[in-house]
Amino acid sequence: MIKKIVFTTIFTTTFLLAGCNTEETVKMELDTIDKKVSYMFAFGSASQVQDAGITFDVDVVRQAIEDANSGREPRLSIEEMQAAHNAFKLMQLEGNEN
């Protein structure tokens, strides 16, 4: 479950970071299955997170991606990730009620 949370978080934040550069759009070739799947997950996850009103810290997102890609242990404990995940889900539920 933690890998699923980390995976979703990483792809979500990656997409949102790309959207932070509103002055200039970087041309990106989505020419491999890895790139297409990465974009697909990021786009879907980013849409979901934006609806909950989450703002990402660019430096934290980059570090999380580097940690995951390098096989390092997460900087948050399982309990901290679960608490953040639960808080995020609650924000989503509250957003849907309005």
Protein backbone atom coordinates (compact mmCIF):
# COMPACT_ATOMS: atom_id res chain seq x y z
CA MET A 1 0.00 0.00 0.00
CA ILE A 2 2.83 2.41 0.84
CA LYS A 3 4.40 1.86 -2.58
CA LYS A 4 1.01 2.68 -4.14
CA ILE A 5 0.77 5.89 -2.09
CA VAL A 6 4.34 6.88 -2.93
CA PHE A 7 3.84 6.02 -6.61
CA THR A 8 0.65 8.05 -6.86
CA THR A 9 2.17 10.97 -4.96
CA ILE A 10 5.28 11.05 -7.10
CA PHE A 11 3.43 10.98 -10.40
CA THR A 12 0.90 13.50 -9.19
CA THR A 13 3.49 15.95 -8.04
CA THR A 14 5.57 15.50 -11.16
CA PHE A 15 2.67 16.61 -13.31
CA LEU A 16 1.83 19.55 -11.11
CA LEU A 17 5.43 20.70 -11.20
CA ALA A 18 5.31 20.72 -14.95
CA GLY A 19 2.25 22.94 -14.72
CA CYS A 20 4.01 25.43 -12.44
CA ASN A 21 5.94 26.88 -15.36
CA THR A 22 3.17 29.00 -16.83
CA GLU A 23 5.49 31.44 -18.61
CA GLU A 24 6.84 28.89 -21.01
CA THR A 25 5.68 25.45 -22.05
CA VAL A 26 8.47 22.96 -22.56
CA LYS A 27 8.01 20.81 -25.64
CA MET A 28 8.15 17.21 -24.58
CA GLU A 29 8.07 14.21 -26.84
CA LEU A 30 5.90 11.47 -25.42
CA ASP A 31 7.45 8.91 -27.70
CA THR A 32 8.01 5.90 -25.44
CA ILE A 33 5.65 3.76 -23.40
CA ASP A 34 7.48 4.87 -20.22
CA LYS A 35 6.84 8.52 -21.04
CA LYS A 36 3.23 7.91 -22.05
CA VAL A 37 2.42 5.91 -18.92
CA SER A 38 4.20 8.49 -16.75
CA TYR A 39 2.19 11.28 -18.33
CA MET A 40 -1.06 9.33 -18.06
CA PHE A 41 -0.63 8.64 -14.34
CA ALA A 42 0.59 12.15 -13.60
CA PHE A 43 -2.24 13.84 -15.48
CA GLY A 44 -4.95 11.80 -13.79
CA SER A 45 -3.44 12.11 -10.35
CA ALA A 46 -2.75 15.82 -10.71
CA SER A 47 -6.35 16.51 -11.61
CA GLN A 48 -7.50 14.66 -8.51
CA VAL A 49 -5.05 16.46 -6.20
CA GLN A 50 -5.79 19.92 -7.59
CA ASP A 51 -9.46 19.42 -6.82
CA ALA A 52 -8.53 18.99 -3.14
CA GLY A 53 -6.59 22.28 -3.14
CA ILE A 54 -3.13 20.82 -2.52
CA THR A 55 -0.09 23.00 -3.21
CA PHE A 56 3.18 21.16 -3.82
CA ASP A 57 6.69 22.17 -2.77
CA VAL A 58 8.84 21.77 -5.88
CA ASP A 59 11.99 20.87 -3.94
CA VAL A 60 10.22 18.21 -1.89
CA VAL A 61 8.70 16.68 -5.00
CA ARG A 62 12.05 16.49 -6.77
CA GLN A 63 13.61 14.87 -3.72
CA ALA A 64 10.83 12.30 -3.48
CA ILE A 65 11.25 11.37 -7.13
CA GLU A 66 15.02 11.11 -6.77
CA ASP A 67 14.65 8.99 -3.63
CA ALA A 68 12.18 6.63 -5.30
CA ASN A 69 14.19 6.35 -8.51
CA SER A 70 17.37 5.65 -6.52
CA GLY A 71 15.74 2.98 -4.38
CA ARG A 72 16.26 4.94 -1.15
CA GLU A 73 13.98 4.56 1.82
CA PRO A 74 11.20 7.16 2.03
CA ARG A 75 11.86 10.13 4.29
CA LEU A 76 8.45 9.69 5.91
CA SER A 77 7.56 6.71 8.04
CA ILE A 78 4.73 4.42 7.02
CA GLU A 79 2.60 6.00 9.73
CA GLU A 80 3.36 9.52 8.48
CA MET A 81 2.47 8.55 4.91
CA GLN A 82 -0.75 6.91 6.03
CA ALA A 83 -1.70 9.98 8.07
CA ALA A 84 -1.01 12.26 5.09
CA HIS A 85 -2.95 9.94 2.80
CA ASN A 86 -5.91 9.88 5.19
CA ALA A 87 -5.86 13.68 5.51
CA PHE A 88 -5.79 13.99 1.72
CA LYS A 89 -8.74 11.61 1.34
CA LEU A 90 -10.67 13.63 3.93
CA MET A 91 -9.94 16.82 1.97
CA GLN A 92 -11.27 15.14 -1.16
CA LEU A 93 -14.45 14.04 0.62
CA GLU A 94 -15.01 17.49 2.07
CA GLY A 95 -14.49 19.03 -1.37
CA ASN A 96 -17.11 16.73 -2.87
CA GLU A 97 -19.67 17.74 -0.26
CA ASN A 98 -19.57 21.42 -1.23
